[in-house]
Amino acid sequence: MTKIHPVAGFLLVEPQKQERTTTSGIVLPESHQDKPQQGKVLAVGDSTFIDGREVKSPCQIGDIVVYREWGGKEYKEENVELLLLKFDDIMAIIK
């Protein structure tokens, strides 16, 4: 899908929009929703070194991850919004 390969310490993630419905069944439009904080990992950069220690990616291609709300840098490719995230921005992997 993409020709982007993240550099060491970064991941490429496709945010997943989640439809929000109130308890009474009303579907909220996108303009009333928070930014997605969950997405699918499309590419993984190499390990990086911090304070002389090797830090490997916490996830693999295809994993669904939860990331920090304001983490990463948005990137648009062929009308698809993608995010470049640091390994540190990943908070959880959904199994």
PDB file of N, CA and C in Angstrom:
ATOM      1  N   MET A   1       0.817  -1.195   0.000  1.00  0.00           N
ATOM      2  CA  MET A   1       0.000   0.000   0.000  1.00  0.00           C
ATOM      3  C   MET A   1       0.865   1.265   0.000  1.00  0.00           C
ATOM      4  N   THR A   2       1.878   1.290   0.835  1.00  0.00           N
ATOM      5  CA  THR A   2       2.673   2.506   0.956  1.00  0.00           C
ATOM      6  C   THR A   2       4.139   2.231   0.646  1.00  0.00           C
ATOM      7  N   LYS A   3       4.807   3.240   0.168  1.00  0.00           N
ATOM      8  CA  LYS A   3       6.230   3.128  -0.142  1.00  0.00           C
ATOM      9  C   LYS A   3       7.069   3.721   0.980  1.00  0.00           C
ATOM     10  N   ILE A   4       6.435   4.121   2.059  1.00  0.00           N
ATOM     11  CA  ILE A   4       7.140   4.738   3.182  1.00  0.00           C
ATOM     12  C   ILE A   4       7.695   3.654   4.086  1.00  0.00           C
ATOM     13  N   HIS A   5       8.970   3.784   4.430  1.00  0.00           N
ATOM     14  CA  HIS A   5       9.575   2.907   5.427  1.00  0.00           C
ATOM     15  C   HIS A   5      10.091   3.796   6.552  1.00  0.00           C
ATOM     16  N   PRO A   6       9.528   3.668   7.745  1.00  0.00           N
ATOM     17  CA  PRO A   6       9.951   4.521   8.856  1.00  0.00           C
ATOM     18  C   PRO A   6      11.422   4.311   9.213  1.00  0.00           C
ATOM     19  N   VAL A   7      12.068   5.367   9.675  1.00  0.00           N
ATOM     20  CA  VAL A   7      13.448   5.278  10.133  1.00  0.00           C
ATOM     21  C   VAL A   7      13.465   4.635  11.519  1.00  0.00           C
ATOM     22  N   ALA A   8      14.649   4.377  12.025  1.00  0.00           N
ATOM     23  CA  ALA A   8      14.807   3.722  13.323  1.00  0.00           C
ATOM     24  C   ALA A   8      14.020   4.442  14.411  1.00  0.00           C
ATOM     25  N   GLY A   9      13.275   3.676  15.182  1.00  0.00           N
ATOM     26  CA  GLY A   9      12.528   4.228  16.304  1.00  0.00           C
ATOM     27  C   GLY A   9      11.124   4.686  15.975  1.00  0.00           C
ATOM     28  N   PHE A  10      10.675   4.511  14.722  1.00  0.00           N
ATOM     29  CA  PHE A  10       9.345   4.975  14.324  1.00  0.00           C
ATOM     30  C   PHE A  10       8.497   3.855  13.719  1.00  0.00           C
ATOM     31  N   LEU A  11       7.179   4.049  13.757  1.00  0.00           N
ATOM     32  CA  LEU A  11       6.189   3.138  13.181  1.00  0.00           C
ATOM     33  C   LEU A  11       5.281   3.926  12.258  1.00  0.00           C
ATOM     34  N   LEU A  12       4.734   3.272  11.242  1.00  0.00           N
ATOM     35  CA  LEU A  12       3.718   3.873  10.390  1.00  0.00           C
ATOM     36  C   LEU A  12       2.402   3.197  10.737  1.00  0.00           C
ATOM     37  N   VAL A  13       1.409   3.991  11.127  1.00  0.00           N
ATOM     38  CA  VAL A  13       0.126   3.469  11.604  1.00  0.00           C
ATOM     39  C   VAL A  13      -1.012   4.100  10.823  1.00  0.00           C
ATOM     40  N   GLU A  14      -2.009   3.284  10.482  1.00  0.00           N
ATOM     41  CA  GLU A  14      -3.231   3.785   9.865  1.00  0.00           C
ATOM     42  C   GLU A  14      -4.291   3.890  10.952  1.00  0.00           C
ATOM     43  N   PRO A  15      -4.672   5.128  11.348  1.00  0.00           N
ATOM     44  CA  PRO A  15      -5.681   5.300  12.395  1.00  0.00           C
ATOM     45  C   PRO A  15      -7.006   4.646  11.996  1.00  0.00           C
ATOM     46  N   GLN A  16      -7.684   4.065  12.970  1.00  0.00           N
ATOM     47  CA  GLN A  16      -8.980   3.442  12.732  1.00  0.00           C
ATOM     48  C   GLN A  16     -10.051   4.308  13.363  1.00  0.00           C
ATOM     49  N   LYS A  17     -10.952   4.771  12.533  1.00  0.00           N
ATOM     50  CA  LYS A  17     -12.049   5.594  13.039  1.00  0.00           C
ATOM     51  C   LYS A  17     -13.075   4.679  13.667  1.00  0.00           C
ATOM     52  N   GLN A  18     -13.556   5.099  14.821  1.00  0.00           N
ATOM     53  CA  GLN A  18     -14.536   4.312  15.539  1.00  0.00           C
ATOM     54  C   GLN A  18     -15.844   5.078  15.563  1.00  0.00           C
ATOM     55  N   GLU A  19     -16.892   4.406  15.140  1.00  0.00           N
ATOM     56  CA  GLU A  19     -18.206   5.031  15.150  1.00  0.00           C
ATOM     57  C   GLU A  19     -18.677   5.120  16.592  1.00  0.00           C
ATOM     58  N   ARG A  20     -19.108   6.285  16.982  1.00  0.00           N
ATOM     59  CA  ARG A  20     -19.576   6.494  18.351  1.00  0.00           C
ATOM     60  C   ARG A  20     -21.091   6.621  18.350  1.00  0.00           C
ATOM     61  N   THR A  21     -21.717   5.904  19.263  1.00  0.00           N
ATOM     62  CA  THR A  21     -23.160   5.939  19.396  1.00  0.00           C
ATOM     63  C   THR A  21     -23.492   6.250  20.854  1.00  0.00           C
ATOM     64  N   THR A  22     -24.460   7.145  21.062  1.00  0.00           N
ATOM     65  CA  THR A  22     -24.880   7.461  22.423  1.00  0.00           C
ATOM     66  C   THR A  22     -25.694   6.293  22.980  1.00  0.00           C
ATOM     67  N   THR A  23     -25.959   6.331  24.280  1.00  0.00           N
ATOM     68  CA  THR A  23     -26.742   5.254  24.900  1.00  0.00           C
ATOM     69  C   THR A  23     -28.148   5.173  24.335  1.00  0.00           C
ATOM     70  N   SER A  24     -28.637   6.287  23.780  1.00  0.00           N
ATOM     71  CA  SER A  24     -29.983   6.272  23.192  1.00  0.00           C
ATOM     72  C   SER A  24     -29.968   5.867  21.720  1.00  0.00           C
ATOM     73  N   GLY A  25     -28.774   5.539  21.176  1.00  0.00           N
ATOM     74  CA  GLY A  25     -28.687   5.031  19.808  1.00  0.00           C
ATOM     75  C   GLY A  25     -28.393   6.064  18.740  1.00  0.00           C
ATOM     76  N   ILE A  26     -28.068   7.300  19.126  1.00  0.00           N
ATOM     77  CA  ILE A  26     -27.761   8.342  18.152  1.00  0.00           C
ATOM     78  C   ILE A  26     -26.295   8.218  17.749  1.00  0.00           C
ATOM     79  N   VAL A  27     -26.037   8.140  16.433  1.00  0.00           N
ATOM     80  CA  VAL A  27     -24.667   8.057  15.923  1.00  0.00           C
ATOM     81  C   VAL A  27     -24.106   9.471  15.826  1.00  0.00           C
ATOM     82  N   LEU A  28     -22.965   9.692  16.483  1.00  0.00           N
ATOM     83  CA  LEU A  28     -22.352  11.018  16.480  1.00  0.00           C
ATOM     84  C   LEU A  28     -21.529  11.217  15.213  1.00  0.00           C
ATOM     85  N   PRO A  29     -21.624  12.391  14.588  1.00  0.00           N
ATOM     86  CA  PRO A  29     -20.820  12.663  13.394  1.00  0.00           C
ATOM     87  C   PRO A  29     -19.356  12.825  13.772  1.00  0.00           C
ATOM     88  N   GLU A  30     -18.471  12.698  12.775  1.00  0.00           N
ATOM     89  CA  GLU A  30     -17.033  12.804  13.013  1.00  0.00           C
ATOM     90  C   GLU A  30     -16.638  14.120  13.667  1.00  0.00           C
ATOM     91  N   SER A  31     -17.354  15.191  13.358  1.00  0.00           N
ATOM     92  CA  SER A  31     -17.000  16.502  13.903  1.00  0.00           C
ATOM     93  C   SER A  31     -17.176  16.561  15.420  1.00  0.00           C
ATOM     94  N   HIS A  32     -17.913  15.624  16.000  1.00  0.00           N
ATOM     95  CA  HIS A  32     -18.131  15.612  17.444  1.00  0.00           C
ATOM     96  C   HIS A  32     -17.343  14.501  18.133  1.00  0.00           C
ATOM     97  N   GLN A  33     -16.400  13.929  17.447  1.00  0.00           N
ATOM     98  CA  GLN A  33     -15.622  12.852  18.015  1.00  0.00           C
ATOM     99  C   GLN A  33     -14.182  13.284  18.247  1.00  0.00           C
ATOM    100  N   ASP A  34     -13.540  12.595  19.177  1.00  0.00           N
ATOM    101  CA  ASP A  34     -12.123  12.815  19.443  1.00  0.00           C
ATOM    102  C   ASP A  34     -11.305  12.180  18.335  1.00  0.00           C
ATOM    103  N   LYS A  35     -10.025  12.567  18.277  1.00  0.00           N
ATOM    104  CA  LYS A  35      -9.119  11.933  17.325  1.00  0.00           C
ATOM    105  C   LYS A  35      -9.015  10.447  17.657  1.00  0.00           C
ATOM    106  N   PRO A  36      -8.894   9.589  16.632  1.00  0.00           N
ATOM    107  CA  PRO A  36      -8.718   8.166  16.925  1.00  0.00           C
ATOM    108  C   PRO A  36      -7.416   7.943  17.692  1.00  0.00           C
ATOM    109  N   GLN A  37      -7.420   6.979  18.579  1.00  0.00           N
ATOM    110  CA  GLN A  37      -6.225   6.642  19.336  1.00  0.00           C
ATOM    111  C   GLN A  37      -5.881   5.176  19.138  1.00  0.00           C
ATOM    112  N   GLN A  38      -6.385   4.600  18.075  1.00  0.00           N
ATOM    113  CA  GLN A  38      -6.171   3.196  17.789  1.00  0.00           C
ATOM    114  C   GLN A  38      -5.908   3.055  16.301  1.00  0.00           C
ATOM    115  N   GLY A  39      -4.999   2.155  15.945  1.00  0.00           N
ATOM    116  CA  GLY A  39      -4.714   1.987  14.531  1.00  0.00           C
ATOM    117  C   GLY A  39      -3.958   0.706  14.237  1.00  0.00           C
ATOM    118  N   LYS A  40      -3.808   0.434  12.937  1.00  0.00           N
ATOM    119  CA  LYS A  40      -3.127  -0.765  12.464  1.00  0.00           C
ATOM    120  C   LYS A  40      -1.713  -0.393  12.025  1.00  0.00           C
ATOM    121  N   VAL A  41      -0.733  -1.166  12.472  1.00  0.00           N
ATOM    122  CA  VAL A  41       0.671  -0.922  12.129  1.00  0.00           C
ATOM    123  C   VAL A  41       0.915  -1.394  10.692  1.00  0.00           C
ATOM    124  N   LEU A  42       1.376  -0.480   9.840  1.00  0.00           N
ATOM    125  CA  LEU A  42       1.636  -0.789   8.429  1.00  0.00           C
ATOM    126  C   LEU A  42       3.112  -1.037   8.158  1.00  0.00           C
ATOM    127  N   ALA A  43       4.000  -0.389   8.909  1.00  0.00           N
ATOM    128  CA  ALA A  43       5.449  -0.539   8.710  1.00  0.00           C
ATOM    129  C   ALA A  43       6.163  -0.235  10.021  1.00  0.00           C
ATOM    130  N   VAL A  44       7.309  -0.889  10.208  1.00  0.00           N
ATOM    131  CA  VAL A  44       8.077  -0.736  11.443  1.00  0.00           C
ATOM    132  C   VAL A  44       9.515  -0.371  11.092  1.00  0.00           C
ATOM    133  N   GLY A  45      10.032   0.660  11.747  1.00  0.00           N
ATOM    134  CA  GLY A  45      11.426   1.051  11.558  1.00  0.00           C
ATOM    135  C   GLY A  45      12.359   0.138  12.342  1.00  0.00           C
ATOM    136  N   ASP A  46      13.642   0.265  12.084  1.00  0.00           N
ATOM    137  CA  ASP A  46      14.650  -0.537  12.782  1.00  0.00           C
ATOM    138  C   ASP A  46      14.735  -0.139  14.254  1.00  0.00           C
ATOM    139  N   SER A  47      15.437  -0.960  15.020  1.00  0.00           N
ATOM    140  CA  SER A  47      15.689  -0.648  16.428  1.00  0.00           C
ATOM    141  C   SER A  47      16.460   0.657  16.511  1.00  0.00           C
ATOM    142  N   THR A  48      16.356   1.307  17.648  1.00  0.00           N
ATOM    143  CA  THR A  48      17.096   2.540  17.887  1.00  0.00           C
ATOM    144  C   THR A  48      17.898   2.391  19.168  1.00  0.00           C
ATOM    145  N   PHE A  49      18.811   3.289  19.425  1.00  0.00           N
ATOM    146  CA  PHE A  49      19.619   3.226  20.640  1.00  0.00           C
ATOM    147  C   PHE A  49      19.359   4.470  21.485  1.00  0.00           C
ATOM    148  N   ILE A  50      19.047   4.249  22.761  1.00  0.00           N
ATOM    149  CA  ILE A  50      18.821   5.334  23.707  1.00  0.00           C
ATOM    150  C   ILE A  50      19.711   5.075  24.912  1.00  0.00           C
ATOM    151  N   ASP A  51      20.560   6.032  25.227  1.00  0.00           N
ATOM    152  CA  ASP A  51      21.522   5.906  26.330  1.00  0.00           C
ATOM    153  C   ASP A  51      22.339   4.622  26.220  1.00  0.00           C
ATOM    154  N   GLY A  52      22.718   4.261  24.995  1.00  0.00           N
ATOM    155  CA  GLY A  52      23.548   3.091  24.774  1.00  0.00           C
ATOM    156  C   GLY A  52      22.820   1.759  24.804  1.00  0.00           C
ATOM    157  N   ARG A  53      21.505   1.787  25.006  1.00  0.00           N
ATOM    158  CA  ARG A  53      20.722   0.545  25.034  1.00  0.00           C
ATOM    159  C   ARG A  53      19.882   0.438  23.773  1.00  0.00           C
ATOM    160  N   GLU A  54      19.797  -0.766  23.215  1.00  0.00           N
ATOM    161  CA  GLU A  54      18.989  -0.981  22.020  1.00  0.00           C
ATOM    162  C   GLU A  54      17.509  -1.057  22.408  1.00  0.00           C
ATOM    163  N   VAL A  55      16.676  -0.298  21.691  1.00  0.00           N
ATOM    164  CA  VAL A  55      15.230  -0.304  21.919  1.00  0.00           C
ATOM    165  C   VAL A  55      14.574  -0.838  20.656  1.00  0.00           C
ATOM    166  N   LYS A  56      13.919  -2.003  20.778  1.00  0.00           N
ATOM    167  CA  LYS A  56      13.241  -2.624  19.642  1.00  0.00           C
ATOM    168  C   LYS A  56      11.785  -2.194  19.610  1.00  0.00           C
ATOM    169  N   SER A  57      11.165  -2.352  18.465  1.00  0.00           N
ATOM    170  CA  SER A  57       9.753  -1.997  18.315  1.00  0.00           C
ATOM    171  C   SER A  57       8.903  -2.843  19.250  1.00  0.00           C
ATOM    172  N   PRO A  58       7.921  -2.217  19.913  1.00  0.00           N
ATOM    173  CA  PRO A  58       7.049  -2.976  20.804  1.00  0.00           C
ATOM    174  C   PRO A  58       5.993  -3.792  20.049  1.00  0.00           C
ATOM    175  N   CYS A  59       5.887  -3.600  18.738  1.00  0.00           N
ATOM    176  CA  CYS A  59       4.845  -4.282  17.971  1.00  0.00           C
ATOM    177  C   CYS A  59       5.351  -4.675  16.593  1.00  0.00           C
ATOM    178  N   GLN A  60       4.489  -5.400  15.860  1.00  0.00           N
ATOM    179  CA  GLN A  60       4.834  -5.892  14.534  1.00  0.00           C
ATOM    180  C   GLN A  60       3.829  -5.375  13.514  1.00  0.00           C
ATOM    181  N   ILE A  61       4.159  -5.532  12.235  1.00  0.00           N
ATOM    182  CA  ILE A  61       3.236  -5.157  11.164  1.00  0.00           C
ATOM    183  C   ILE A  61       1.952  -5.965  11.322  1.00  0.00           C
ATOM    184  N   GLY A  62       0.819  -5.286  11.214  1.00  0.00           N
ATOM    185  CA  GLY A  62      -0.481  -5.928  11.336  1.00  0.00           C
ATOM    186  C   GLY A  62      -1.107  -5.816  12.716  1.00  0.00           C
ATOM    187  N   ASP A  63      -0.307  -5.468  13.738  1.00  0.00           N
ATOM    188  CA  ASP A  63      -0.849  -5.305  15.090  1.00  0.00           C
ATOM    189  C   ASP A  63      -1.782  -4.104  15.153  1.00  0.00           C
ATOM    190  N   ILE A  64      -2.781  -4.205  16.010  1.00  0.00           N
ATOM    191  CA  ILE A  64      -3.656  -3.069  16.314  1.00  0.00           C
ATOM    192  C   ILE A  64      -3.135  -2.482  17.623  1.00  0.00           C
ATOM    193  N   VAL A  65      -2.821  -1.188  17.600  1.00  0.00           N
ATOM    194  CA  VAL A  65      -2.208  -0.549  18.768  1.00  0.00           C
ATOM    195  C   VAL A  65      -3.043   0.630  19.259  1.00  0.00           C
ATOM    196  N   VAL A  66      -2.854   0.944  20.531  1.00  0.00           N
ATOM    197  CA  VAL A  66      -3.423   2.150  21.134  1.00  0.00           C
ATOM    198  C   VAL A  66      -2.250   3.089  21.350  1.00  0.00           C
ATOM    199  N   TYR A  67      -2.400   4.338  20.919  1.00  0.00           N
ATOM    200  CA  TYR A  67      -1.308   5.296  21.013  1.00  0.00           C
ATOM    201  C   TYR A  67      -1.778   6.584  21.673  1.00  0.00           C
ATOM    202  N   ARG A  68      -0.807   7.401  22.054  1.00  0.00           N
ATOM    203  CA  ARG A  68      -1.110   8.682  22.723  1.00  0.00           C
ATOM    204  C   ARG A  68      -1.941   9.575  21.802  1.00  0.00           C
ATOM    205  N   GLU A  69      -2.836  10.320  22.393  1.00  0.00           N
ATOM    206  CA  GLU A  69      -3.758  11.153  21.616  1.00  0.00           C
ATOM    207  C   GLU A  69      -3.045  12.145  20.718  1.00  0.00           C
ATOM    208  N   TRP A  70      -2.026  12.803  21.210  1.00  0.00           N
ATOM    209  CA  TRP A  70      -1.350  13.828  20.409  1.00  0.00           C
ATOM    210  C   TRP A  70       0.008  13.354  19.927  1.00  0.00           C
ATOM    211  N   GLY A  71       0.227  12.057  19.924  1.00  0.00           N
ATOM    212  CA  GLY A  71       1.504  11.508  19.471  1.00  0.00           C
ATOM    213  C   GLY A  71       1.598  11.472  17.955  1.00  0.00           C
ATOM    214  N   GLY A  72       2.808  11.483  17.461  1.00  0.00           N
ATOM    215  CA  GLY A  72       3.052  11.270  16.043  1.00  0.00           C
ATOM    216  C   GLY A  72       2.873  12.473  15.146  1.00  0.00           C
ATOM    217  N   LYS A  73       3.172  12.246  13.895  1.00  0.00           N
ATOM    218  CA  LYS A  73       3.063  13.255  12.842  1.00  0.00           C
ATOM    219  C   LYS A  73       2.145  12.715  11.763  1.00  0.00           C
ATOM    220  N   GLU A  74       1.110  13.473  11.423  1.00  0.00           N
ATOM    221  CA  GLU A  74       0.169  13.045  10.399  1.00  0.00           C
ATOM    222  C   GLU A  74       0.793  13.135   9.015  1.00  0.00           C
ATOM    223  N   TYR A  75       0.448  12.186   8.168  1.00  0.00           N
ATOM    224  CA  TYR A  75       0.948  12.127   6.800  1.00  0.00           C
ATOM    225  C   TYR A  75      -0.197  11.632   5.931  1.00  0.00           C
ATOM    226  N   LYS A  76      -0.417  12.278   4.806  1.00  0.00           N
ATOM    227  CA  LYS A  76      -1.508  11.893   3.916  1.00  0.00           C
ATOM    228  C   LYS A  76      -0.935  11.330   2.625  1.00  0.00           C
ATOM    229  N   GLU A  77      -1.400  10.143   2.236  1.00  0.00           N
ATOM    230  CA  GLU A  77      -0.943   9.501   1.005  1.00  0.00           C
ATOM    231  C   GLU A  77      -2.156   8.926   0.286  1.00  0.00           C
ATOM    232  N   GLU A  78      -2.380   9.367  -0.951  1.00  0.00           N
ATOM    233  CA  GLU A  78      -3.503   8.894  -1.775  1.00  0.00           C
ATOM    234  C   GLU A  78      -4.824   8.959  -1.013  1.00  0.00           C
ATOM    235  N   ASN A  79      -5.091  10.106  -0.375  1.00  0.00           N
ATOM    236  CA  ASN A  79      -6.313  10.361   0.382  1.00  0.00           C
ATOM    237  C   ASN A  79      -6.494   9.441   1.582  1.00  0.00           C
ATOM    238  N   VAL A  80      -5.419   8.834   2.049  1.00  0.00           N
ATOM    239  CA  VAL A  80      -5.452   8.015   3.258  1.00  0.00           C
ATOM    240  C   VAL A  80      -4.592   8.702   4.302  1.00  0.00           C
ATOM    241  N   GLU A  81      -5.171   8.922   5.490  1.00  0.00           N
ATOM    242  CA  GLU A  81      -4.419   9.554   6.570  1.00  0.00           C
ATOM    243  C   GLU A  81      -3.616   8.512   7.308  1.00  0.00           C
ATOM    244  N   LEU A  82      -2.320   8.774   7.469  1.00  0.00           N
ATOM    245  CA  LEU A  82      -1.433   7.871   8.181  1.00  0.00           C
ATOM    246  C   LEU A  82      -0.731   8.650   9.283  1.00  0.00           C
ATOM    247  N   LEU A  83      -0.147   7.926  10.229  1.00  0.00           N
ATOM    248  CA  LEU A  83       0.585   8.548  11.326  1.00  0.00           C
ATOM    249  C   LEU A  83       1.974   7.935  11.440  1.00  0.00           C
ATOM    250  N   LEU A  84       2.978   8.759  11.620  1.00  0.00           N
ATOM    251  CA  LEU A  84       4.318   8.295  11.955  1.00  0.00           C
ATOM    252  C   LEU A  84       4.470   8.489  13.460  1.00  0.00           C
ATOM    253  N   LEU A  85       4.631   7.393  14.185  1.00  0.00           N
ATOM    254  CA  LEU A  85       4.707   7.428  15.641  1.00  0.00           C
ATOM    255  C   LEU A  85       6.062   6.937  16.128  1.00  0.00           C
ATOM    256  N   LYS A  86       6.534   7.497  17.230  1.00  0.00           N
ATOM    257  CA  LYS A  86       7.725   6.978  17.902  1.00  0.00           C
ATOM    258  C   LYS A  86       7.322   5.713  18.652  1.00  0.00           C
ATOM    259  N   PHE A  87       8.284   4.843  18.881  1.00  0.00           N
ATOM    260  CA  PHE A  87       8.012   3.647  19.675  1.00  0.00           C
ATOM    261  C   PHE A  87       7.393   4.027  21.023  1.00  0.00           C
ATOM    262  N   ASP A  88       7.843   5.156  21.602  1.00  0.00           N
ATOM    263  CA  ASP A  88       7.358   5.613  22.912  1.00  0.00           C
ATOM    264  C   ASP A  88       5.884   5.973  22.918  1.00  0.00           C
ATOM    265  N   ASP A  89       5.324   6.316  21.751  1.00  0.00           N
ATOM    266  CA  ASP A  89       3.917   6.731  21.684  1.00  0.00           C
ATOM    267  C   ASP A  89       2.947   5.560  21.803  1.00  0.00           C
ATOM    268  N   ILE A  90       3.434   4.328  21.656  1.00  0.00           N
ATOM    269  CA  ILE A  90       2.570   3.155  21.735  1.00  0.00           C
ATOM    270  C   ILE A  90       2.304   2.842  23.200  1.00  0.00           C
ATOM    271  N   MET A  91       1.028   2.771  23.577  1.00  0.00           N
ATOM    272  CA  MET A  91       0.659   2.497  24.962  1.00  0.00           C
ATOM    273  C   MET A  91       0.194   1.055  25.165  1.00  0.00           C
ATOM    274  N   ALA A  92      -0.360   0.426  24.107  1.00  0.00           N
ATOM    275  CA  ALA A  92      -0.856  -0.947  24.250  1.00  0.00           C
ATOM    276  C   ALA A  92      -1.016  -1.594  22.879  1.00  0.00           C
ATOM    277  N   ILE A  93      -0.979  -2.921  22.872  1.00  0.00           N
ATOM    278  CA  ILE A  93      -1.247  -3.713  21.685  1.00  0.00           C
ATOM    279  C   ILE A  93      -2.522  -4.497  21.971  1.00  0.00           C
ATOM    280  N   ILE A  94      -3.479  -4.405  21.061  1.00  0.00           N
ATOM    281  CA  ILE A  94      -4.758  -5.114  21.242  1.00  0.00           C
ATOM    282  C   ILE A  94      -4.625  -6.512  20.647  1.00  0.00           C
ATOM    283  N   LYS A  95      -4.841  -7.519  21.455  1.00  0.00           N
ATOM    284  CA  LYS A  95      -4.720  -8.917  21.021  1.00  0.00           C
ATOM    285  C   LYS A  95      -6.081  -9.502  20.754  1.00  0.00           C
TER     286      LYS A  95
END
